[in-house]
Amino acid sequence: MAIKSLFVSHGSPTILIEDNPWKKLLSNLGKRLSEEEKPEAVVVISPHFTSWNGEFLIEIQDPLPCIQDYYGFPQELYSYCYSTHNDVDLATSIIKAAKSRGLRARAHEKWGLDHGAWIPLLYMFPNGIKAVPISITEASPETHLEMGKAIADASRGRRILVIGTGSPTHRLDLMYLGARKISNKFDYTLANVLEKGDLEALLQLRSTREWIEAQPEGLLRPLYIAIGAAGTPKAKVFVMDSPWPGVSMFAAEFLDSSA
């Protein structure tokens, strides 16, 4: 299989200094994938790398700098960072594949790995792995699905891992107010849709009250790219949690569409 695709939450930056079981989950996931899939590189899509005018930015600078894009947190958090090399050949191939599918995409050299990208990589691949960050845009979910397909096109003949990140429930107002934990109804609905592999139902979630109440991080655009890369919306959802009020953690592995 040329490509493996995941959607995992990166959580609050405070996860770096908390006794949080999510870190062990990410570590075990990374070990398993390293042993079973032996990925050469990771394409990572964070909800914090956003571009406009429907144009996808594909980062080509090497090495990729670590971006600590969080403010007002305990000083200890700023001692954590993760940098790695870019797979520039893969990045260039993704740009070409995206353009061949009629997408707007170009090389970019001013970003790097924001915390939505480097926190999962820190625990999954502590010894480093080449990475290609790709932005999300304000374009439609269908456009992001198409971007995922372009990643799959560019990955043929290689062992590439795609990771979209973000929290399905992302109510920062509740987190900052210190509210009690809420039931993540939207996460359960999302898990049900993914386990059924129902793409139409997934796209219809945007019009539901549950979506409005959950305020999904990045409007789930990293998830759509991960689905497009996988070639199927059918996934195994293996963890759902709510370590912080209003912010959920979610992990899904998309199944081999050729199986």
C-alpha atoms as a PDB file:
ATOM      1  CA  MET A   1       0.000   0.000   0.000  1.00  0.00           C
ATOM      2  CA  ALA A   2       1.517   3.322  -1.080  1.00  0.00           C
ATOM      3  CA  ILE A   3      -0.325   5.526   1.374  1.00  0.00           C
ATOM      4  CA  LYS A   4      -1.729   5.346   4.900  1.00  0.00           C
ATOM      5  CA  SER A   5      -4.053   8.078   6.124  1.00  0.00           C
ATOM      6  CA  LEU A   6      -5.016   9.199   9.637  1.00  0.00           C
ATOM      7  CA  PHE A   7      -6.977  11.914  11.394  1.00  0.00           C
ATOM      8  CA  VAL A   8      -5.760  12.629  14.918  1.00  0.00           C
ATOM      9  CA  SER A   9      -6.230  15.459  17.390  1.00  0.00           C
ATOM     10  CA  HIS A  10      -3.262  17.478  18.609  1.00  0.00           C
ATOM     11  CA  GLY A  11      -5.104  18.967  21.577  1.00  0.00           C
ATOM     12  CA  SER A  12      -4.176  21.912  23.763  1.00  0.00           C
ATOM     13  CA  PRO A  13      -0.453  22.812  23.927  1.00  0.00           C
ATOM     14  CA  THR A  14      -0.694  22.041  27.653  1.00  0.00           C
ATOM     15  CA  ILE A  15      -0.625  18.369  26.669  1.00  0.00           C
ATOM     16  CA  LEU A  16       3.165  18.823  26.531  1.00  0.00           C
ATOM     17  CA  ILE A  17       3.418  19.126  30.318  1.00  0.00           C
ATOM     18  CA  GLU A  18       0.367  17.148  31.397  1.00  0.00           C
ATOM     19  CA  ASP A  19       0.100  13.514  32.402  1.00  0.00           C
ATOM     20  CA  ASN A  20      -2.139  12.770  29.448  1.00  0.00           C
ATOM     21  CA  PRO A  21      -2.684   9.237  28.062  1.00  0.00           C
ATOM     22  CA  TRP A  22      -2.976  10.728  24.576  1.00  0.00           C
ATOM     23  CA  LYS A  23       0.823  11.017  24.400  1.00  0.00           C
ATOM     24  CA  LYS A  24       1.227   7.273  24.919  1.00  0.00           C
ATOM     25  CA  LEU A  25      -1.447   6.612  22.309  1.00  0.00           C
ATOM     26  CA  LEU A  26       0.427   8.716  19.766  1.00  0.00           C
ATOM     27  CA  SER A  27       3.709   7.063  20.688  1.00  0.00           C
ATOM     28  CA  ASN A  28       2.280   3.556  20.283  1.00  0.00           C
ATOM     29  CA  LEU A  29       0.612   4.543  17.014  1.00  0.00           C
ATOM     30  CA  GLY A  30       3.885   5.877  15.652  1.00  0.00           C
ATOM     31  CA  LYS A  31       5.766   2.731  16.681  1.00  0.00           C
ATOM     32  CA  ARG A  32       3.185   0.491  15.017  1.00  0.00           C
ATOM     33  CA  LEU A  33       3.168   2.463  11.781  1.00  0.00           C
ATOM     34  CA  SER A  34       6.970   2.583  11.720  1.00  0.00           C
ATOM     35  CA  GLU A  35       7.098  -1.205  12.031  1.00  0.00           C
ATOM     36  CA  GLU A  36       4.185  -2.075   9.725  1.00  0.00           C
ATOM     37  CA  GLU A  37       4.136   0.672   7.101  1.00  0.00           C
ATOM     38  CA  LYS A  38       7.729   1.968   7.314  1.00  0.00           C
ATOM     39  CA  PRO A  39       6.753   5.433   6.025  1.00  0.00           C
ATOM     40  CA  GLU A  40       9.382   7.422   4.143  1.00  0.00           C
ATOM     41  CA  ALA A  41       7.693  10.741   4.849  1.00  0.00           C
ATOM     42  CA  VAL A  42       4.604  12.339   6.363  1.00  0.00           C
ATOM     43  CA  VAL A  43       2.256  14.789   4.697  1.00  0.00           C
ATOM     44  CA  VAL A  44       0.748  16.761   7.573  1.00  0.00           C
ATOM     45  CA  ILE A  45      -2.307  19.002   7.410  1.00  0.00           C
ATOM     46  CA  SER A  46      -2.853  21.227  10.438  1.00  0.00           C
ATOM     47  CA  PRO A  47      -5.915  23.458  10.914  1.00  0.00           C
ATOM     48  CA  HIS A  48      -3.496  26.256  11.880  1.00  0.00           C
ATOM     49  CA  PHE A  49      -1.848  26.476   8.449  1.00  0.00           C
ATOM     50  CA  THR A  50      -4.511  28.332   6.480  1.00  0.00           C
ATOM     51  CA  SER A  51      -4.335  30.015   3.088  1.00  0.00           C
ATOM     52  CA  TRP A  52      -6.895  32.024   1.156  1.00  0.00           C
ATOM     53  CA  ASN A  53      -8.365  32.488  -2.317  1.00  0.00           C
ATOM     54  CA  GLY A  54      -8.724  28.732  -2.694  1.00  0.00           C
ATOM     55  CA  GLU A  55      -4.970  28.292  -3.107  1.00  0.00           C
ATOM     56  CA  PHE A  56      -3.169  25.459  -1.342  1.00  0.00           C
ATOM     57  CA  LEU A  57       0.315  26.205  -0.056  1.00  0.00           C
ATOM     58  CA  ILE A  58       2.801  23.348  -0.034  1.00  0.00           C
ATOM     59  CA  GLU A  59       5.814  24.016   2.143  1.00  0.00           C
ATOM     60  CA  ILE A  60       9.179  23.380   0.454  1.00  0.00           C
ATOM     61  CA  GLN A  61      11.703  24.971   2.813  1.00  0.00           C
ATOM     62  CA  ASP A  62      14.230  22.620   4.355  1.00  0.00           C
ATOM     63  CA  PRO A  63      14.672  22.132   7.232  1.00  0.00           C
ATOM     64  CA  LEU A  64      11.191  22.889   8.518  1.00  0.00           C
ATOM     65  CA  PRO A  65      11.248  25.273  11.493  1.00  0.00           C
ATOM     66  CA  CYS A  66       9.196  24.624  14.606  1.00  0.00           C
ATOM     67  CA  ILE A  67       6.495  27.253  15.162  1.00  0.00           C
ATOM     68  CA  GLN A  68       5.277  27.789  18.731  1.00  0.00           C
ATOM     69  CA  ASP A  69       2.007  29.408  17.653  1.00  0.00           C
ATOM     70  CA  TYR A  70       0.410  29.665  21.100  1.00  0.00           C
ATOM     71  CA  TYR A  71       0.393  32.543  23.519  1.00  0.00           C
ATOM     72  CA  GLY A  72      -0.202  33.125  27.215  1.00  0.00           C
ATOM     73  CA  PHE A  73       0.633  29.578  28.259  1.00  0.00           C
ATOM     74  CA  PRO A  74       3.023  28.462  31.029  1.00  0.00           C
ATOM     75  CA  GLN A  75       6.635  29.287  30.158  1.00  0.00           C
ATOM     76  CA  GLU A  76       7.585  25.613  30.398  1.00  0.00           C
ATOM     77  CA  LEU A  77       5.675  24.905  27.189  1.00  0.00           C
ATOM     78  CA  TYR A  78       8.103  27.036  25.191  1.00  0.00           C
ATOM     79  CA  SER A  79      10.958  24.640  25.930  1.00  0.00           C
ATOM     80  CA  TYR A  80       9.289  22.053  23.679  1.00  0.00           C
ATOM     81  CA  CYS A  81       9.742  22.088  19.921  1.00  0.00           C
ATOM     82  CA  TYR A  82      10.176  19.728  16.979  1.00  0.00           C
ATOM     83  CA  SER A  83      11.888  20.416  13.687  1.00  0.00           C
ATOM     84  CA  THR A  84      12.617  18.045  10.842  1.00  0.00           C
ATOM     85  CA  HIS A  85      13.594  17.902   7.195  1.00  0.00           C
ATOM     86  CA  ASN A  86      11.198  18.414   4.329  1.00  0.00           C
ATOM     87  CA  ASP A  87      10.723  15.860   1.564  1.00  0.00           C
ATOM     88  CA  VAL A  88      11.097  18.462  -1.151  1.00  0.00           C
ATOM     89  CA  ASP A  89      10.744  15.960  -3.991  1.00  0.00           C
ATOM     90  CA  LEU A  90       7.393  14.834  -2.617  1.00  0.00           C
ATOM     91  CA  ALA A  91       6.275  18.426  -2.051  1.00  0.00           C
ATOM     92  CA  THR A  92       7.107  19.282  -5.667  1.00  0.00           C
ATOM     93  CA  SER A  93       5.266  16.208  -6.910  1.00  0.00           C
ATOM     94  CA  ILE A  94       2.188  17.164  -4.872  1.00  0.00           C
ATOM     95  CA  ILE A  95       2.138  20.624  -6.444  1.00  0.00           C
ATOM     96  CA  LYS A  96       2.262  19.103  -9.938  1.00  0.00           C
ATOM     97  CA  ALA A  97      -0.417  16.518  -9.100  1.00  0.00           C
ATOM     98  CA  ALA A  98      -2.691  19.181  -7.613  1.00  0.00           C
ATOM     99  CA  LYS A  99      -2.398  21.372 -10.680  1.00  0.00           C
ATOM    100  CA  SER A 100      -3.124  18.415 -12.945  1.00  0.00           C
ATOM    101  CA  ARG A 101      -6.406  18.025 -11.053  1.00  0.00           C
ATOM    102  CA  GLY A 102      -7.272  21.668 -11.653  1.00  0.00           C
ATOM    103  CA  LEU A 103      -6.437  22.825  -8.142  1.00  0.00           C
ATOM    104  CA  ARG A 104      -4.644  26.021  -7.266  1.00  0.00           C
ATOM    105  CA  ALA A 105      -1.422  25.110  -5.501  1.00  0.00           C
ATOM    106  CA  ARG A 106       2.030  26.623  -5.167  1.00  0.00           C
ATOM    107  CA  ALA A 107       5.286  26.242  -3.308  1.00  0.00           C
ATOM    108  CA  HIS A 108       5.664  28.142  -0.046  1.00  0.00           C
ATOM    109  CA  GLU A 109       8.713  28.886   2.097  1.00  0.00           C
ATOM    110  CA  LYS A 110       7.448  30.936   5.055  1.00  0.00           C
ATOM    111  CA  TRP A 111       5.707  28.462   7.354  1.00  0.00           C
ATOM    112  CA  GLY A 112       6.993  25.246   8.901  1.00  0.00           C
ATOM    113  CA  LEU A 113       5.526  22.995  11.581  1.00  0.00           C
ATOM    114  CA  ASP A 114       2.940  24.700  13.793  1.00  0.00           C
ATOM    115  CA  HIS A 115       1.804  23.006  16.990  1.00  0.00           C
ATOM    116  CA  GLY A 116      -1.042  21.280  15.160  1.00  0.00           C
ATOM    117  CA  ALA A 117       1.622  19.464  13.139  1.00  0.00           C
ATOM    118  CA  TRP A 118       4.624  19.087  15.421  1.00  0.00           C
ATOM    119  CA  ILE A 119       2.903  17.929  18.612  1.00  0.00           C
ATOM    120  CA  PRO A 120       1.680  14.667  16.993  1.00  0.00           C
ATOM    121  CA  LEU A 121       5.012  14.216  15.196  1.00  0.00           C
ATOM    122  CA  LEU A 122       6.926  14.771  18.442  1.00  0.00           C
ATOM    123  CA  TYR A 123       5.294  11.737  20.039  1.00  0.00           C
ATOM    124  CA  MET A 124       4.802   9.581  16.962  1.00  0.00           C
ATOM    125  CA  PHE A 125       8.268  10.014  15.456  1.00  0.00           C
ATOM    126  CA  PRO A 126      10.574  11.325  18.208  1.00  0.00           C
ATOM    127  CA  ASN A 127      13.657  10.414  16.178  1.00  0.00           C
ATOM    128  CA  GLY A 128      12.474  12.430  13.208  1.00  0.00           C
ATOM    129  CA  ILE A 129      10.774  11.791   9.872  1.00  0.00           C
ATOM    130  CA  LYS A 130      10.635  13.874   6.733  1.00  0.00           C
ATOM    131  CA  ALA A 131       7.461  15.952   6.527  1.00  0.00           C
ATOM    132  CA  VAL A 132       5.528  18.046   4.016  1.00  0.00           C
ATOM    133  CA  PRO A 133       3.093  20.586   5.538  1.00  0.00           C
ATOM    134  CA  ILE A 134       0.111  21.540   3.378  1.00  0.00           C
ATOM    135  CA  SER A 135      -2.336  24.329   4.113  1.00  0.00           C
ATOM    136  CA  ILE A 136      -6.099  24.215   4.220  1.00  0.00           C
ATOM    137  CA  THR A 137      -8.091  26.938   2.467  1.00  0.00           C
ATOM    138  CA  GLU A 138     -11.557  28.475   2.648  1.00  0.00           C
ATOM    139  CA  ALA A 139     -12.557  26.341  -0.345  1.00  0.00           C
ATOM    140  CA  SER A 140     -15.223  23.635  -0.214  1.00  0.00           C
ATOM    141  CA  PRO A 141     -14.889  20.214   1.408  1.00  0.00           C
ATOM    142  CA  GLU A 142     -15.000  18.721  -2.086  1.00  0.00           C
ATOM    143  CA  THR A 143     -11.937  20.772  -3.051  1.00  0.00           C
ATOM    144  CA  HIS A 144     -10.093  19.438  -0.005  1.00  0.00           C
ATOM    145  CA  LEU A 145     -11.080  15.879  -0.918  1.00  0.00           C
ATOM    146  CA  GLU A 146      -9.572  16.543  -4.345  1.00  0.00           C
ATOM    147  CA  MET A 147      -6.367  17.798  -2.721  1.00  0.00           C
ATOM    148  CA  GLY A 148      -6.152  14.513  -0.859  1.00  0.00           C
ATOM    149  CA  LYS A 149      -6.451  12.651  -4.147  1.00  0.00           C
ATOM    150  CA  ALA A 150      -3.588  14.734  -5.529  1.00  0.00           C
ATOM    151  CA  ILE A 151      -1.449  13.672  -2.564  1.00  0.00           C
ATOM    152  CA  ALA A 152      -2.275  10.047  -3.357  1.00  0.00           C
ATOM    153  CA  ASP A 153      -1.328  10.625  -7.018  1.00  0.00           C
ATOM    154  CA  ALA A 154       2.032  12.072  -5.979  1.00  0.00           C
ATOM    155  CA  SER A 155       2.672   9.225  -3.525  1.00  0.00           C
ATOM    156  CA  ARG A 156       2.454   6.362  -5.997  1.00  0.00           C
ATOM    157  CA  GLY A 157       5.411   4.054  -5.636  1.00  0.00           C
ATOM    158  CA  ARG A 158       6.328   5.457  -2.229  1.00  0.00           C
ATOM    159  CA  ARG A 159       5.386   4.697   1.381  1.00  0.00           C
ATOM    160  CA  ILE A 160       3.730   7.922   2.513  1.00  0.00           C
ATOM    161  CA  LEU A 161       1.740   8.665   5.658  1.00  0.00           C
ATOM    162  CA  VAL A 162      -0.923  11.394   5.603  1.00  0.00           C
ATOM    163  CA  ILE A 163      -1.982  12.956   8.895  1.00  0.00           C
ATOM    164  CA  GLY A 164      -4.799  15.469   9.224  1.00  0.00           C
ATOM    165  CA  THR A 165      -5.109  17.006  12.687  1.00  0.00           C
ATOM    166  CA  GLY A 166      -7.731  18.862  14.716  1.00  0.00           C
ATOM    167  CA  SER A 167     -10.468  18.471  17.311  1.00  0.00           C
ATOM    168  CA  PRO A 168     -14.036  17.726  16.165  1.00  0.00           C
ATOM    169  CA  THR A 169     -15.336  19.607  19.224  1.00  0.00           C
ATOM    170  CA  HIS A 170     -13.374  22.826  19.644  1.00  0.00           C
ATOM    171  CA  ARG A 171     -15.202  25.136  22.036  1.00  0.00           C
ATOM    172  CA  LEU A 172     -12.359  27.328  23.284  1.00  0.00           C
ATOM    173  CA  ASP A 173     -14.868  29.566  25.055  1.00  0.00           C
ATOM    174  CA  LEU A 174     -15.713  26.670  27.373  1.00  0.00           C
ATOM    175  CA  MET A 175     -12.065  25.796  27.864  1.00  0.00           C
ATOM    176  CA  TYR A 176     -11.036  29.328  28.815  1.00  0.00           C
ATOM    177  CA  LEU A 177     -14.021  29.724  31.135  1.00  0.00           C
ATOM    178  CA  GLY A 178     -13.125  26.516  32.933  1.00  0.00           C
ATOM    179  CA  ALA A 179     -16.537  25.052  32.272  1.00  0.00           C
ATOM    180  CA  ARG A 180     -17.412  21.507  33.215  1.00  0.00           C
ATOM    181  CA  LYS A 181     -16.735  18.826  30.650  1.00  0.00           C
ATOM    182  CA  ILE A 182     -19.482  18.507  28.075  1.00  0.00           C
ATOM    183  CA  SER A 183     -20.631  15.392  26.270  1.00  0.00           C
ATOM    184  CA  ASN A 184     -19.125  15.406  22.798  1.00  0.00           C
ATOM    185  CA  LYS A 185     -22.242  14.393  20.939  1.00  0.00           C
ATOM    186  CA  PHE A 186     -20.789  15.586  17.649  1.00  0.00           C
ATOM    187  CA  ASP A 187     -17.746  13.331  18.041  1.00  0.00           C
ATOM    188  CA  TYR A 188     -19.968  10.281  18.412  1.00  0.00           C
ATOM    189  CA  THR A 189     -21.964  11.295  15.352  1.00  0.00           C
ATOM    190  CA  LEU A 190     -18.771  11.797  13.365  1.00  0.00           C
ATOM    191  CA  ALA A 191     -17.387   8.447  14.489  1.00  0.00           C
ATOM    192  CA  ASN A 192     -20.587   6.690  13.433  1.00  0.00           C
ATOM    193  CA  VAL A 193     -20.465   8.286   9.980  1.00  0.00           C
ATOM    194  CA  LEU A 194     -16.801   7.388   9.457  1.00  0.00           C
ATOM    195  CA  GLU A 195     -17.212   3.810  10.627  1.00  0.00           C
ATOM    196  CA  LYS A 196     -20.061   3.420   8.131  1.00  0.00           C
ATOM    197  CA  GLY A 197     -17.967   5.081   5.404  1.00  0.00           C
ATOM    198  CA  ASP A 198     -20.855   7.391   4.514  1.00  0.00           C
ATOM    199  CA  LEU A 199     -19.327  10.366   2.683  1.00  0.00           C
ATOM    200  CA  GLU A 200     -22.679  11.965   1.870  1.00  0.00           C
ATOM    201  CA  ALA A 201     -23.701  11.908   5.530  1.00  0.00           C
ATOM    202  CA  LEU A 202     -20.308  13.341   6.478  1.00  0.00           C
ATOM    203  CA  LEU A 203     -20.719  16.308   4.146  1.00  0.00           C
ATOM    204  CA  GLN A 204     -24.246  16.905   5.443  1.00  0.00           C
ATOM    205  CA  LEU A 205     -22.984  17.316   9.014  1.00  0.00           C
ATOM    206  CA  ARG A 206     -22.120  20.947   8.211  1.00  0.00           C
ATOM    207  CA  SER A 207     -25.796  21.865   8.254  1.00  0.00           C
ATOM    208  CA  THR A 208     -26.597  20.272  11.613  1.00  0.00           C
ATOM    209  CA  ARG A 209     -27.058  21.879  14.998  1.00  0.00           C
ATOM    210  CA  GLU A 210     -24.446  19.501  16.406  1.00  0.00           C
ATOM    211  CA  TRP A 211     -21.849  20.992  14.044  1.00  0.00           C
ATOM    212  CA  ILE A 212     -22.706  24.538  15.114  1.00  0.00           C
ATOM    213  CA  GLU A 213     -22.473  23.639  18.789  1.00  0.00           C
ATOM    214  CA  ALA A 214     -19.201  21.726  18.360  1.00  0.00           C
ATOM    215  CA  GLN A 215     -17.395  24.352  16.216  1.00  0.00           C
ATOM    216  CA  PRO A 216     -15.061  21.776  14.589  1.00  0.00           C
ATOM    217  CA  GLU A 217     -11.467  22.927  14.382  1.00  0.00           C
ATOM    218  CA  GLY A 218     -10.502  23.947  10.855  1.00  0.00           C
ATOM    219  CA  LEU A 219     -14.068  23.065   9.817  1.00  0.00           C
ATOM    220  CA  LEU A 220     -12.714  19.498   9.465  1.00  0.00           C
ATOM    221  CA  ARG A 221     -10.814  20.429   6.298  1.00  0.00           C
ATOM    222  CA  PRO A 222      -7.729  18.418   7.350  1.00  0.00           C
ATOM    223  CA  LEU A 223     -10.075  15.446   7.728  1.00  0.00           C
ATOM    224  CA  TYR A 224     -11.383  15.878   4.171  1.00  0.00           C
ATOM    225  CA  ILE A 225      -7.829  15.898   2.797  1.00  0.00           C
ATOM    226  CA  ALA A 226      -7.022  12.739   4.758  1.00  0.00           C
ATOM    227  CA  ILE A 227     -10.133  11.059   3.322  1.00  0.00           C
ATOM    228  CA  GLY A 228      -9.251  12.096  -0.223  1.00  0.00           C
ATOM    229  CA  ALA A 229      -5.764  10.674   0.202  1.00  0.00           C
ATOM    230  CA  ALA A 230      -7.118   7.414   1.615  1.00  0.00           C
ATOM    231  CA  GLY A 231      -9.590   6.982  -1.217  1.00  0.00           C
ATOM    232  CA  THR A 232     -12.324   6.084   1.270  1.00  0.00           C
ATOM    233  CA  PRO A 233     -14.216   7.753   4.138  1.00  0.00           C
ATOM    234  CA  LYS A 234     -14.430   4.412   5.949  1.00  0.00           C
ATOM    235  CA  ALA A 235     -12.315   4.448   9.071  1.00  0.00           C
ATOM    236  CA  LYS A 236     -11.617   2.682  12.302  1.00  0.00           C
ATOM    237  CA  VAL A 237     -12.174   5.178  15.114  1.00  0.00           C
ATOM    238  CA  PHE A 238     -10.101   3.941  18.027  1.00  0.00           C
ATOM    239  CA  VAL A 239     -10.160   6.790  20.536  1.00  0.00           C
ATOM    240  CA  MET A 240     -12.528   9.575  21.582  1.00  0.00           C
ATOM    241  CA  ASP A 241     -11.896  11.621  24.688  1.00  0.00           C
ATOM    242  CA  SER A 242     -12.439  15.047  26.248  1.00  0.00           C
ATOM    243  CA  PRO A 243      -9.411  15.896  28.422  1.00  0.00           C
ATOM    244  CA  TRP A 244     -10.352  19.596  28.573  1.00  0.00           C
ATOM    245  CA  PRO A 245     -13.742  21.312  28.772  1.00  0.00           C
ATOM    246  CA  GLY A 246     -15.011  21.880  25.254  1.00  0.00           C
ATOM    247  CA  VAL A 247     -12.003  20.379  23.431  1.00  0.00           C
ATOM    248  CA  SER A 248     -12.156  16.776  22.263  1.00  0.00           C
ATOM    249  CA  MET A 249      -9.512  14.300  21.182  1.00  0.00           C
ATOM    250  CA  PHE A 250     -10.240  11.953  18.325  1.00  0.00           C
ATOM    251  CA  ALA A 251      -8.221   9.363  16.402  1.00  0.00           C
ATOM    252  CA  ALA A 252      -9.253   7.560  13.227  1.00  0.00           C
ATOM    253  CA  GLU A 253      -7.331   5.370  10.786  1.00  0.00           C
ATOM    254  CA  PHE A 254      -8.731   5.101   7.288  1.00  0.00           C
ATOM    255  CA  LEU A 255      -9.045   1.609   5.913  1.00  0.00           C
ATOM    256  CA  ASP A 256      -7.320   0.267   2.826  1.00  0.00           C
ATOM    257  CA  SER A 257      -9.775   0.997   0.014  1.00  0.00           C
ATOM    258  CA  SER A 258      -8.252  -1.817  -2.033  1.00  0.00           C
ATOM    259  CA  ALA A 259      -8.952  -4.399   0.690  1.00  0.00           C
END
